[in-house]
Amino acid sequence: MKQPTENCPLCQQLNACAVTSGGDINDCWCNKQPYLTKEGLTKVLTEEMLAALDGKACICESCLNSIKAELAVEHALYKQVD
């Protein structure tokens, strides 16, 4: 089944993308967020989740915040080990 581009590929909730609703990228919530690297994503997402990120739909702000929180925890754990 093809997923609509308005839905987050990770949680299937609406991603609130301004572009898919006819707006400009400068108006999108994601334009004000730091981008995650592929390396960062591979640290916290499963292979299945990574496969869902096919570039056809944006993730939602909630999923982005969850990923950033997981990366922050991982970073803190590495700092404690050093």
Protein backbone atom coordinates (compact mmCIF):
# COMPACT_ATOMS: atom_id res chain seq x y z
CA MET A 1 0.00 0.00 0.00
CA LYS A 2 1.37 3.41 -0.95
CA GLN A 3 1.64 5.79 1.97
CA PRO A 4 0.34 9.34 1.54
CA THR A 5 3.05 11.99 1.73
CA GLU A 6 1.09 13.80 4.45
CA ASN A 7 1.83 10.94 6.86
CA CYS A 8 5.01 10.33 8.80
CA PRO A 9 6.69 7.16 7.50
CA LEU A 10 7.61 6.14 11.06
CA CYS A 11 4.34 6.58 13.00
CA GLN A 12 1.82 7.14 10.16
CA GLN A 13 0.43 10.26 11.86
CA LEU A 14 0.12 13.55 9.97
CA ASN A 15 3.54 15.11 9.48
CA ALA A 16 2.26 18.72 9.21
CA CYS A 17 4.48 19.37 6.20
CA ALA A 18 3.79 22.83 4.76
CA VAL A 19 4.94 21.75 1.29
CA THR A 20 2.56 18.79 0.98
CA SER A 21 -0.31 21.06 1.99
CA GLY A 22 0.57 23.58 -0.72
CA GLY A 23 2.76 25.93 1.33
CA ASP A 24 6.35 27.01 1.04
CA ILE A 25 9.28 25.14 2.61
CA ASN A 26 10.16 28.33 4.51
CA ASP A 27 6.83 28.02 6.33
CA CYS A 28 7.37 24.41 7.39
CA TRP A 29 8.12 23.50 11.01
CA CYS A 30 11.07 21.38 9.87
CA ASN A 31 12.84 24.36 8.33
CA LYS A 32 13.56 25.58 11.86
CA GLN A 33 15.02 22.24 13.02
CA PRO A 34 18.58 20.96 12.81
CA TYR A 35 18.96 18.14 10.32
CA LEU A 36 19.93 14.71 11.52
CA THR A 37 22.79 12.87 9.89
CA LYS A 38 22.37 9.40 8.43
CA GLU A 39 24.92 8.20 11.00
CA GLY A 40 22.77 9.57 13.81
CA LEU A 41 19.65 7.95 12.41
CA THR A 42 21.31 4.54 12.08
CA LYS A 43 22.22 4.67 15.78
CA VAL A 44 18.61 4.83 16.96
CA LEU A 45 16.36 3.49 14.19
CA THR A 46 15.81 -0.12 13.24
CA GLU A 47 16.51 -1.36 9.70
CA GLU A 48 12.77 -1.44 9.05
CA MET A 49 12.39 2.18 10.17
CA LEU A 50 15.34 3.27 8.04
CA ALA A 51 13.80 1.54 5.02
CA ALA A 52 10.58 3.52 5.58
CA LEU A 53 12.55 6.75 5.16
CA ASP A 54 12.41 6.68 1.39
CA GLY A 55 12.49 10.42 0.84
CA LYS A 56 8.89 10.59 -0.31
CA ALA A 57 7.40 11.75 2.98
CA CYS A 58 8.70 13.80 5.89
CA ILE A 59 8.79 12.51 9.43
CA CYS A 60 6.62 14.34 11.95
CA GLU A 61 7.87 16.68 14.66
CA SER A 62 7.04 14.16 17.38
CA CYS A 63 9.19 11.45 15.77
CA LEU A 64 12.01 13.94 15.18
CA ASN A 65 11.91 14.96 18.85
CA SER A 66 11.94 11.30 19.92
CA ILE A 67 14.96 10.57 17.73
CA LYS A 68 16.80 13.64 19.04
CA ALA A 69 16.04 12.58 22.63
CA GLU A 70 17.37 9.06 22.00
CA LEU A 71 20.53 10.49 20.44
CA ALA A 72 20.99 12.80 23.43
CA VAL A 73 20.70 9.85 25.84
CA GLU A 74 23.18 7.84 23.78
CA HIS A 75 25.58 10.78 23.72
CA ALA A 76 25.29 11.18 27.50
CA LEU A 77 26.01 7.48 27.99
CA TYR A 78 29.12 7.69 25.83
CA LYS A 79 30.30 10.74 27.81
CA GLN A 80 29.94 8.80 31.06
CA VAL A 81 32.05 5.95 29.69
CA ASP A 82 34.85 8.25 28.48
